[in-house]
Amino acid sequence: MAGGWAKDGAVQDQIDASVEDAVARAKSNMYQGDSAEFCVECDVRIPERRRVAVPGVQLCINCQAELEKDAKVESSFNRRGSKDSQLR
């Protein structure tokens, strides 16, 4: 049950919207095109099973792990549900 000005189901709507945004962000970061046979960073052969499992893969597992480790972590703060963002 929602309270105040919120309609019933408003919290679930916010959760659904956050999940949809995360899925869209993940899809936009996915590789596209043909998979490389050799890693573009270290020139190690990429196993066939990885090339099939991850279409468009360009990095070996080790280089991919380093890239993800060094990547800036995005904030998991839900701006949609923030009252502060609603006031702006």
PDB file of N, CA and C in Angstrom:
ATOM      1  N   MET A   1       0.843  -1.183   0.000  1.00  0.00           N
ATOM      2  CA  MET A   1       0.000   0.000   0.000  1.00  0.00           C
ATOM      3  C   MET A   1       0.880   1.234   0.000  1.00  0.00           C
ATOM      4  N   ALA A   2       0.643   2.131  -0.916  1.00  0.00           N
ATOM      5  CA  ALA A   2       1.397   3.375  -0.998  1.00  0.00           C
ATOM      6  C   ALA A   2       0.777   4.402  -0.073  1.00  0.00           C
ATOM      7  N   GLY A   3       1.581   5.318   0.367  1.00  0.00           N
ATOM      8  CA  GLY A   3       1.079   6.361   1.250  1.00  0.00           C
ATOM      9  C   GLY A   3       1.293   7.727   0.638  1.00  0.00           C
ATOM     10  N   GLY A   4       0.639   8.722   1.167  1.00  0.00           N
ATOM     11  CA  GLY A   4       0.804  10.090   0.672  1.00  0.00           C
ATOM     12  C   GLY A   4       0.288  10.223  -0.739  1.00  0.00           C
ATOM     13  N   TRP A   5       1.107  10.859  -1.584  1.00  0.00           N
ATOM     14  CA  TRP A   5       0.701  11.115  -2.956  1.00  0.00           C
ATOM     15  C   TRP A   5       1.014   9.954  -3.895  1.00  0.00           C
ATOM     16  N   ALA A   6       1.760   8.983  -3.424  1.00  0.00           N
ATOM     17  CA  ALA A   6       2.170   7.877  -4.293  1.00  0.00           C
ATOM     18  C   ALA A   6       0.994   6.943  -4.566  1.00  0.00           C
ATOM     19  N   LYS A   7       0.933   6.476  -5.800  1.00  0.00           N
ATOM     20  CA  LYS A   7      -0.119   5.529  -6.162  1.00  0.00           C
ATOM     21  C   LYS A   7       0.285   4.129  -5.705  1.00  0.00           C
ATOM     22  N   ASP A   8      -0.667   3.232  -5.616  1.00  0.00           N
ATOM     23  CA  ASP A   8      -0.364   1.845  -5.276  1.00  0.00           C
ATOM     24  C   ASP A   8       0.574   1.265  -6.322  1.00  0.00           C
ATOM     25  N   GLY A   9       1.588   0.562  -5.856  1.00  0.00           N
ATOM     26  CA  GLY A   9       2.543  -0.053  -6.767  1.00  0.00           C
ATOM     27  C   GLY A   9       3.682   0.864  -7.175  1.00  0.00           C
ATOM     28  N   ALA A  10       3.763   2.065  -6.612  1.00  0.00           N
ATOM     29  CA  ALA A  10       4.803   3.019  -7.008  1.00  0.00           C
ATOM     30  C   ALA A  10       6.202   2.491  -6.691  1.00  0.00           C
ATOM     31  N   VAL A  11       6.345   1.823  -5.569  1.00  0.00           N
ATOM     32  CA  VAL A  11       7.655   1.290  -5.197  1.00  0.00           C
ATOM     33  C   VAL A  11       8.080   0.226  -6.191  1.00  0.00           C
ATOM     34  N   GLN A  12       7.173  -0.665  -6.550  1.00  0.00           N
ATOM     35  CA  GLN A  12       7.491  -1.702  -7.530  1.00  0.00           C
ATOM     36  C   GLN A  12       7.815  -1.083  -8.884  1.00  0.00           C
ATOM     37  N   ASP A  13       7.118  -0.013  -9.250  1.00  0.00           N
ATOM     38  CA  ASP A  13       7.413   0.678 -10.510  1.00  0.00           C
ATOM     39  C   ASP A  13       8.843   1.209 -10.513  1.00  0.00           C
ATOM     40  N   GLN A  14       9.286   1.744  -9.387  1.00  0.00           N
ATOM     41  CA  GLN A  14      10.651   2.256  -9.280  1.00  0.00           C
ATOM     42  C   GLN A  14      11.662   1.117  -9.389  1.00  0.00           C
ATOM     43  N   ILE A  15      11.375   0.007  -8.740  1.00  0.00           N
ATOM     44  CA  ILE A  15      12.265  -1.156  -8.818  1.00  0.00           C
ATOM     45  C   ILE A  15      12.342  -1.656 -10.259  1.00  0.00           C
ATOM     46  N   ASP A  16      11.197  -1.798 -10.906  1.00  0.00           N
ATOM     47  CA  ASP A  16      11.166  -2.263 -12.294  1.00  0.00           C
ATOM     48  C   ASP A  16      11.950  -1.323 -13.214  1.00  0.00           C
ATOM     49  N   ALA A  17      11.794  -0.026 -13.026  1.00  0.00           N
ATOM     50  CA  ALA A  17      12.502   0.954 -13.847  1.00  0.00           C
ATOM     51  C   ALA A  17      14.006   0.868 -13.625  1.00  0.00           C
ATOM     52  N   SER A  18      14.417   0.663 -12.386  1.00  0.00           N
ATOM     53  CA  SER A  18      15.846   0.536 -12.083  1.00  0.00           C
ATOM     54  C   SER A  18      16.433  -0.710 -12.736  1.00  0.00           C
ATOM     55  N   VAL A  19      15.694  -1.807 -12.702  1.00  0.00           N
ATOM     56  CA  VAL A  19      16.160  -3.050 -13.327  1.00  0.00           C
ATOM     57  C   VAL A  19      16.238  -2.868 -14.838  1.00  0.00           C
ATOM     58  N   GLU A  20      15.243  -2.247 -15.430  1.00  0.00           N
ATOM     59  CA  GLU A  20      15.239  -2.011 -16.873  1.00  0.00           C
ATOM     60  C   GLU A  20      16.424  -1.141 -17.284  1.00  0.00           C
ATOM     61  N   ASP A  21      16.735  -0.113 -16.489  1.00  0.00           N
ATOM     62  CA  ASP A  21      17.887   0.739 -16.775  1.00  0.00           C
ATOM     63  C   ASP A  21      19.190  -0.049 -16.709  1.00  0.00           C
ATOM     64  N   ALA A  22      19.326  -0.904 -15.707  1.00  0.00           N
ATOM     65  CA  ALA A  22      20.540  -1.711 -15.552  1.00  0.00           C
ATOM     66  C   ALA A  22      20.703  -2.684 -16.714  1.00  0.00           C
ATOM     67  N   VAL A  23      19.612  -3.292 -17.152  1.00  0.00           N
ATOM     68  CA  VAL A  23      19.667  -4.219 -18.285  1.00  0.00           C
ATOM     69  C   VAL A  23      20.044  -3.465 -19.560  1.00  0.00           C
ATOM     70  N   ALA A  24      19.460  -2.305 -19.776  1.00  0.00           N
ATOM     71  CA  ALA A  24      19.787  -1.510 -20.961  1.00  0.00           C
ATOM     72  C   ALA A  24      21.252  -1.079 -20.948  1.00  0.00           C
ATOM     73  N   ARG A  25      21.762  -0.696 -19.774  1.00  0.00           N
ATOM     74  CA  ARG A  25      23.163  -0.298 -19.648  1.00  0.00           C
ATOM     75  C   ARG A  25      24.085  -1.486 -19.946  1.00  0.00           C
ATOM     76  N   ALA A  26      23.735  -2.657 -19.429  1.00  0.00           N
ATOM     77  CA  ALA A  26      24.548  -3.855 -19.673  1.00  0.00           C
ATOM     78  C   ALA A  26      24.531  -4.230 -21.153  1.00  0.00           C
ATOM     79  N   LYS A  27      23.369  -4.149 -21.794  1.00  0.00           N
ATOM     80  CA  LYS A  27      23.269  -4.476 -23.218  1.00  0.00           C
ATOM     81  C   LYS A  27      24.077  -3.502 -24.069  1.00  0.00           C
ATOM     82  N   SER A  28      24.118  -2.237 -23.672  1.00  0.00           N
ATOM     83  CA  SER A  28      24.868  -1.256 -24.455  1.00  0.00           C
ATOM     84  C   SER A  28      26.370  -1.484 -24.340  1.00  0.00           C
ATOM     85  N   ASN A  29      26.805  -2.156 -23.285  1.00  0.00           N
ATOM     86  CA  ASN A  29      28.228  -2.432 -23.086  1.00  0.00           C
ATOM     87  C   ASN A  29      28.663  -3.765 -23.690  1.00  0.00           C
ATOM     88  N   MET A  30      27.725  -4.518 -24.242  1.00  0.00           N
ATOM     89  CA  MET A  30      28.054  -5.823 -24.802  1.00  0.00           C
ATOM     90  C   MET A  30      28.825  -5.658 -26.105  1.00  0.00           C
ATOM     91  N   TYR A  31      29.684  -6.635 -26.374  1.00  0.00           N
ATOM     92  CA  TYR A  31      30.452  -6.642 -27.614  1.00  0.00           C
ATOM     93  C   TYR A  31      29.516  -6.849 -28.791  1.00  0.00           C
ATOM     94  N   GLN A  32      29.932  -6.350 -29.930  1.00  0.00           N
ATOM     95  CA  GLN A  32      29.178  -6.563 -31.155  1.00  0.00           C
ATOM     96  C   GLN A  32      30.149  -6.952 -32.251  1.00  0.00           C
ATOM     97  N   GLY A  33      29.677  -7.640 -33.233  1.00  0.00           N
ATOM     98  CA  GLY A  33      30.523  -8.035 -34.347  1.00  0.00           C
ATOM     99  C   GLY A  33      31.154  -9.402 -34.143  1.00  0.00           C
ATOM    100  N   ASP A  34      32.199  -9.665 -34.919  1.00  0.00           N
ATOM    101  CA  ASP A  34      32.879 -10.957 -34.876  1.00  0.00           C
ATOM    102  C   ASP A  34      33.823 -11.035 -33.683  1.00  0.00           C
ATOM    103  N   SER A  35      33.939 -12.217 -33.143  1.00  0.00           N
ATOM    104  CA  SER A  35      34.879 -12.455 -32.051  1.00  0.00           C
ATOM    105  C   SER A  35      36.299 -12.512 -32.610  1.00  0.00           C
ATOM    106  N   ALA A  36      37.232 -12.006 -31.828  1.00  0.00           N
ATOM    107  CA  ALA A  36      38.640 -12.081 -32.220  1.00  0.00           C
ATOM    108  C   ALA A  36      39.177 -13.469 -31.884  1.00  0.00           C
ATOM    109  N   GLU A  37      40.061 -13.978 -32.710  1.00  0.00           N
ATOM    110  CA  GLU A  37      40.673 -15.273 -32.425  1.00  0.00           C
ATOM    111  C   GLU A  37      41.801 -15.118 -31.402  1.00  0.00           C
ATOM    112  N   PHE A  38      42.428 -13.942 -31.417  1.00  0.00           N
ATOM    113  CA  PHE A  38      43.500 -13.644 -30.477  1.00  0.00           C
ATOM    114  C   PHE A  38      43.167 -12.368 -29.714  1.00  0.00           C
ATOM    115  N   CYS A  39      43.536 -12.322 -28.459  1.00  0.00           N
ATOM    116  CA  CYS A  39      43.275 -11.166 -27.592  1.00  0.00           C
ATOM    117  C   CYS A  39      43.920  -9.916 -28.192  1.00  0.00           C
ATOM    118  N   VAL A  40      43.188  -8.821 -28.252  1.00  0.00           N
ATOM    119  CA  VAL A  40      43.711  -7.585 -28.822  1.00  0.00           C
ATOM    120  C   VAL A  40      44.715  -6.909 -27.889  1.00  0.00           C
ATOM    121  N   GLU A  41      44.758  -7.314 -26.635  1.00  0.00           N
ATOM    122  CA  GLU A  41      45.699  -6.729 -25.669  1.00  0.00           C
ATOM    123  C   GLU A  41      47.002  -7.510 -25.580  1.00  0.00           C
ATOM    124  N   CYS A  42      46.912  -8.826 -25.401  1.00  0.00           N
ATOM    125  CA  CYS A  42      48.123  -9.625 -25.125  1.00  0.00           C
ATOM    126  C   CYS A  42      48.435 -10.652 -26.210  1.00  0.00           C
ATOM    127  N   ASP A  43      47.594 -10.756 -27.227  1.00  0.00           N
ATOM    128  CA  ASP A  43      47.795 -11.649 -28.368  1.00  0.00           C
ATOM    129  C   ASP A  43      47.737 -13.139 -28.007  1.00  0.00           C
ATOM    130  N   VAL A  44      47.123 -13.471 -26.880  1.00  0.00           N
ATOM    131  CA  VAL A  44      46.912 -14.873 -26.498  1.00  0.00           C
ATOM    132  C   VAL A  44      45.683 -15.387 -27.238  1.00  0.00           C
ATOM    133  N   ARG A  45      45.712 -16.631 -27.645  1.00  0.00           N
ATOM    134  CA  ARG A  45      44.574 -17.226 -28.350  1.00  0.00           C
ATOM    135  C   ARG A  45      43.359 -17.293 -27.421  1.00  0.00           C
ATOM    136  N   ILE A  46      42.208 -16.828 -27.913  1.00  0.00           N
ATOM    137  CA  ILE A  46      40.957 -16.882 -27.156  1.00  0.00           C
ATOM    138  C   ILE A  46      40.308 -18.234 -27.441  1.00  0.00           C
ATOM    139  N   PRO A  47      40.010 -19.018 -26.397  1.00  0.00           N
ATOM    140  CA  PRO A  47      39.418 -20.347 -26.616  1.00  0.00           C
ATOM    141  C   PRO A  47      38.094 -20.270 -27.393  1.00  0.00           C
ATOM    142  N   GLU A  48      37.869 -21.277 -28.219  1.00  0.00           N
ATOM    143  CA  GLU A  48      36.647 -21.348 -29.036  1.00  0.00           C
ATOM    144  C   GLU A  48      35.390 -21.258 -28.180  1.00  0.00           C
ATOM    145  N   ARG A  49      35.386 -21.931 -27.036  1.00  0.00           N
ATOM    146  CA  ARG A  49      34.199 -21.921 -26.174  1.00  0.00           C
ATOM    147  C   ARG A  49      33.886 -20.501 -25.688  1.00  0.00           C
ATOM    148  N   ARG A  50      34.916 -19.698 -25.422  1.00  0.00           N
ATOM    149  CA  ARG A  50      34.691 -18.305 -25.006  1.00  0.00           C
ATOM    150  C   ARG A  50      34.155 -17.483 -26.175  1.00  0.00           C
ATOM    151  N   ARG A  51      34.699 -17.705 -27.356  1.00  0.00           N
ATOM    152  CA  ARG A  51      34.234 -16.949 -28.534  1.00  0.00           C
ATOM    153  C   ARG A  51      32.775 -17.246 -28.849  1.00  0.00           C
ATOM    154  N   VAL A  52      32.344 -18.473 -28.603  1.00  0.00           N
ATOM    155  CA  VAL A  52      30.944 -18.846 -28.842  1.00  0.00           C
ATOM    156  C   VAL A  52      30.049 -18.295 -27.733  1.00  0.00           C
ATOM    157  N   ALA A  53      30.531 -18.378 -26.506  1.00  0.00           N
ATOM    158  CA  ALA A  53      29.718 -17.955 -25.355  1.00  0.00           C
ATOM    159  C   ALA A  53      29.550 -16.440 -25.289  1.00  0.00           C
ATOM    160  N   VAL A  54      30.567 -15.701 -25.736  1.00  0.00           N
ATOM    161  CA  VAL A  54      30.528 -14.236 -25.668  1.00  0.00           C
ATOM    162  C   VAL A  54      30.731 -13.688 -27.085  1.00  0.00           C
ATOM    163  N   PRO A  55      29.649 -13.539 -27.846  1.00  0.00           N
ATOM    164  CA  PRO A  55      29.769 -13.056 -29.222  1.00  0.00           C
ATOM    165  C   PRO A  55      30.463 -11.696 -29.276  1.00  0.00           C
ATOM    166  N   GLY A  56      31.418 -11.568 -30.179  1.00  0.00           N
ATOM    167  CA  GLY A  56      32.124 -10.310 -30.349  1.00  0.00           C
ATOM    168  C   GLY A  56      33.259 -10.092 -29.359  1.00  0.00           C
ATOM    169  N   VAL A  57      33.613 -11.123 -28.601  1.00  0.00           N
ATOM    170  CA  VAL A  57      34.652 -10.980 -27.583  1.00  0.00           C
ATOM    171  C   VAL A  57      35.975 -10.577 -28.236  1.00  0.00           C
ATOM    172  N   GLN A  58      36.691  -9.676 -27.581  1.00  0.00           N
ATOM    173  CA  GLN A  58      37.961  -9.181 -28.098  1.00  0.00           C
ATOM    174  C   GLN A  58      39.126  -9.437 -27.145  1.00  0.00           C
ATOM    175  N   LEU A  59      38.812  -9.789 -25.896  1.00  0.00           N
ATOM    176  CA  LEU A  59      39.835  -9.955 -24.868  1.00  0.00           C
ATOM    177  C   LEU A  59      39.823 -11.366 -24.291  1.00  0.00           C
ATOM    178  N   CYS A  60      41.010 -11.840 -23.894  1.00  0.00           N
ATOM    179  CA  CYS A  60      41.079 -13.114 -23.184  1.00  0.00           C
ATOM    180  C   CYS A  60      40.518 -12.924 -21.776  1.00  0.00           C
ATOM    181  N   ILE A  61      40.348 -13.997 -21.064  1.00  0.00           N
ATOM    182  CA  ILE A  61      39.753 -13.923 -19.733  1.00  0.00           C
ATOM    183  C   ILE A  61      40.593 -13.061 -18.802  1.00  0.00           C
ATOM    184  N   ASN A  62      41.918 -13.209 -18.838  1.00  0.00           N
ATOM    185  CA  ASN A  62      42.780 -12.436 -17.939  1.00  0.00           C
ATOM    186  C   ASN A  62      42.711 -10.936 -18.221  1.00  0.00           C
ATOM    187  N   CYS A  63      42.766 -10.553 -19.479  1.00  0.00           N
ATOM    188  CA  CYS A  63      42.692  -9.133 -19.838  1.00  0.00           C
ATOM    189  C   CYS A  63      41.312  -8.557 -19.517  1.00  0.00           C
ATOM    190  N   GLN A  64      40.264  -9.354 -19.741  1.00  0.00           N
ATOM    191  CA  GLN A  64      38.911  -8.906 -19.405  1.00  0.00           C
ATOM    192  C   GLN A  64      38.783  -8.678 -17.909  1.00  0.00           C
ATOM    193  N   ALA A  65      39.354  -9.582 -17.110  1.00  0.00           N
ATOM    194  CA  ALA A  65      39.299  -9.446 -15.652  1.00  0.00           C
ATOM    195  C   ALA A  65      40.029  -8.188 -15.203  1.00  0.00           C
ATOM    196  N   GLU A  66      41.180  -7.900 -15.803  1.00  0.00           N
ATOM    197  CA  GLU A  66      41.932  -6.684 -15.456  1.00  0.00           C
ATOM    198  C   GLU A  66      41.140  -5.439 -15.832  1.00  0.00           C
ATOM    199  N   LEU A  67      40.517  -5.461 -17.002  1.00  0.00           N
ATOM    200  CA  LEU A  67      39.724  -4.323 -17.453  1.00  0.00           C
ATOM    201  C   LEU A  67      38.569  -4.052 -16.492  1.00  0.00           C
ATOM    202  N   GLU A  68      37.877  -5.111 -16.089  1.00  0.00           N
ATOM    203  CA  GLU A  68      36.743  -4.949 -15.183  1.00  0.00           C
ATOM    204  C   GLU A  68      37.194  -4.531 -13.791  1.00  0.00           C
ATOM    205  N   LYS A  69      38.356  -4.980 -13.368  1.00  0.00           N
ATOM    206  CA  LYS A  69      38.877  -4.614 -12.051  1.00  0.00           C
ATOM    207  C   LYS A  69      39.227  -3.127 -12.015  1.00  0.00           C
ATOM    208  N   ASP A  70      39.770  -2.630 -13.124  1.00  0.00           N
ATOM    209  CA  ASP A  70      40.199  -1.242 -13.194  1.00  0.00           C
ATOM    210  C   ASP A  70      39.061  -0.284 -13.541  1.00  0.00           C
ATOM    211  N   ALA A  71      37.945  -0.827 -14.025  1.00  0.00           N
ATOM    212  CA  ALA A  71      36.825   0.019 -14.442  1.00  0.00           C
ATOM    213  C   ALA A  71      36.225   0.746 -13.249  1.00  0.00           C
ATOM    214  N   LYS A  72      35.792   1.948 -13.507  1.00  0.00           N
ATOM    215  CA  LYS A  72      35.145   2.740 -12.464  1.00  0.00           C
ATOM    216  C   LYS A  72      33.805   2.100 -12.130  1.00  0.00           C
ATOM    217  N   VAL A  73      33.552   1.912 -10.861  1.00  0.00           N
ATOM    218  CA  VAL A  73      32.297   1.312 -10.418  1.00  0.00           C
ATOM    219  C   VAL A  73      31.221   2.392 -10.444  1.00  0.00           C
ATOM    220  N   GLU A  74      30.135   2.089 -11.151  1.00  0.00           N
ATOM    221  CA  GLU A  74      29.032   3.040 -11.221  1.00  0.00           C
ATOM    222  C   GLU A  74      28.251   3.026  -9.920  1.00  0.00           C
ATOM    223  N   SER A  75      27.710   4.144  -9.603  1.00  0.00           N
ATOM    224  CA  SER A  75      26.926   4.258  -8.388  1.00  0.00           C
ATOM    225  C   SER A  75      25.666   3.422  -8.510  1.00  0.00           C
ATOM    226  N   SER A  76      25.334   2.707  -7.452  1.00  0.00           N
ATOM    227  CA  SER A  76      24.113   1.924  -7.458  1.00  0.00           C
ATOM    228  C   SER A  76      22.975   2.683  -6.795  1.00  0.00           C
ATOM    229  N   PHE A  77      23.177   3.973  -6.571  1.00  0.00           N
ATOM    230  CA  PHE A  77      22.151   4.799  -5.937  1.00  0.00           C
ATOM    231  C   PHE A  77      21.008   5.012  -6.909  1.00  0.00           C
ATOM    232  N   ASN A  78      19.827   4.767  -6.472  1.00  0.00           N
ATOM    233  CA  ASN A  78      18.648   4.888  -7.316  1.00  0.00           C
ATOM    234  C   ASN A  78      18.195   6.341  -7.357  1.00  0.00           C
ATOM    235  N   ARG A  79      18.602   7.066  -8.388  1.00  0.00           N
ATOM    236  CA  ARG A  79      18.232   8.487  -8.489  1.00  0.00           C
ATOM    237  C   ARG A  79      16.733   8.652  -8.703  1.00  0.00           C
ATOM    238  N   ARG A  80      16.090   7.671  -9.323  1.00  0.00           N
ATOM    239  CA  ARG A  80      14.659   7.772  -9.538  1.00  0.00           C
ATOM    240  C   ARG A  80      13.903   7.816  -8.224  1.00  0.00           C
ATOM    241  N   GLY A  81      14.401   7.070  -7.236  1.00  0.00           N
ATOM    242  CA  GLY A  81      13.708   6.998  -5.955  1.00  0.00           C
ATOM    243  C   GLY A  81      14.164   8.047  -4.978  1.00  0.00           C
ATOM    244  N   SER A  82      15.107   8.894  -5.376  1.00  0.00           N
ATOM    245  CA  SER A  82      15.629   9.902  -4.472  1.00  0.00           C
ATOM    246  C   SER A  82      14.694  11.105  -4.404  1.00  0.00           C
ATOM    247  N   LYS A  83      14.268  11.426  -3.220  1.00  0.00           N
ATOM    248  CA  LYS A  83      13.395  12.599  -3.063  1.00  0.00           C
ATOM    249  C   LYS A  83      14.134  13.862  -3.456  1.00  0.00           C
ATOM    250  N   ASP A  84      15.455  13.894  -3.213  1.00  0.00           N
ATOM    251  CA  ASP A  84      16.251  15.043  -3.576  1.00  0.00           C
ATOM    252  C   ASP A  84      16.198  15.269  -5.080  1.00  0.00           C
ATOM    253  N   SER A  85      16.302  14.191  -5.869  1.00  0.00           N
ATOM    254  CA  SER A  85      16.279  14.360  -7.327  1.00  0.00           C
ATOM    255  C   SER A  85      14.893  14.766  -7.821  1.00  0.00           C
ATOM    256  N   GLN A  86      13.867  14.431  -7.096  1.00  0.00           N
ATOM    257  CA  GLN A  86      12.511  14.784  -7.496  1.00  0.00           C
ATOM    258  C   GLN A  86      12.220  16.260  -7.244  1.00  0.00           C
ATOM    259  N   LEU A  87      12.982  16.862  -6.351  1.00  0.00           N
ATOM    260  CA  LEU A  87      12.766  18.270  -6.028  1.00  0.00           C
ATOM    261  C   LEU A  87      13.476  19.196  -7.002  1.00  0.00           C
ATOM    262  N   ARG A  88      14.388  18.665  -7.792  1.00  0.00           N
ATOM    263  CA  ARG A  88      15.173  19.503  -8.718  1.00  0.00           C
ATOM    264  C   ARG A  88      14.465  19.717 -10.013  1.00  0.00           C
TER     265      ARG A  88
END
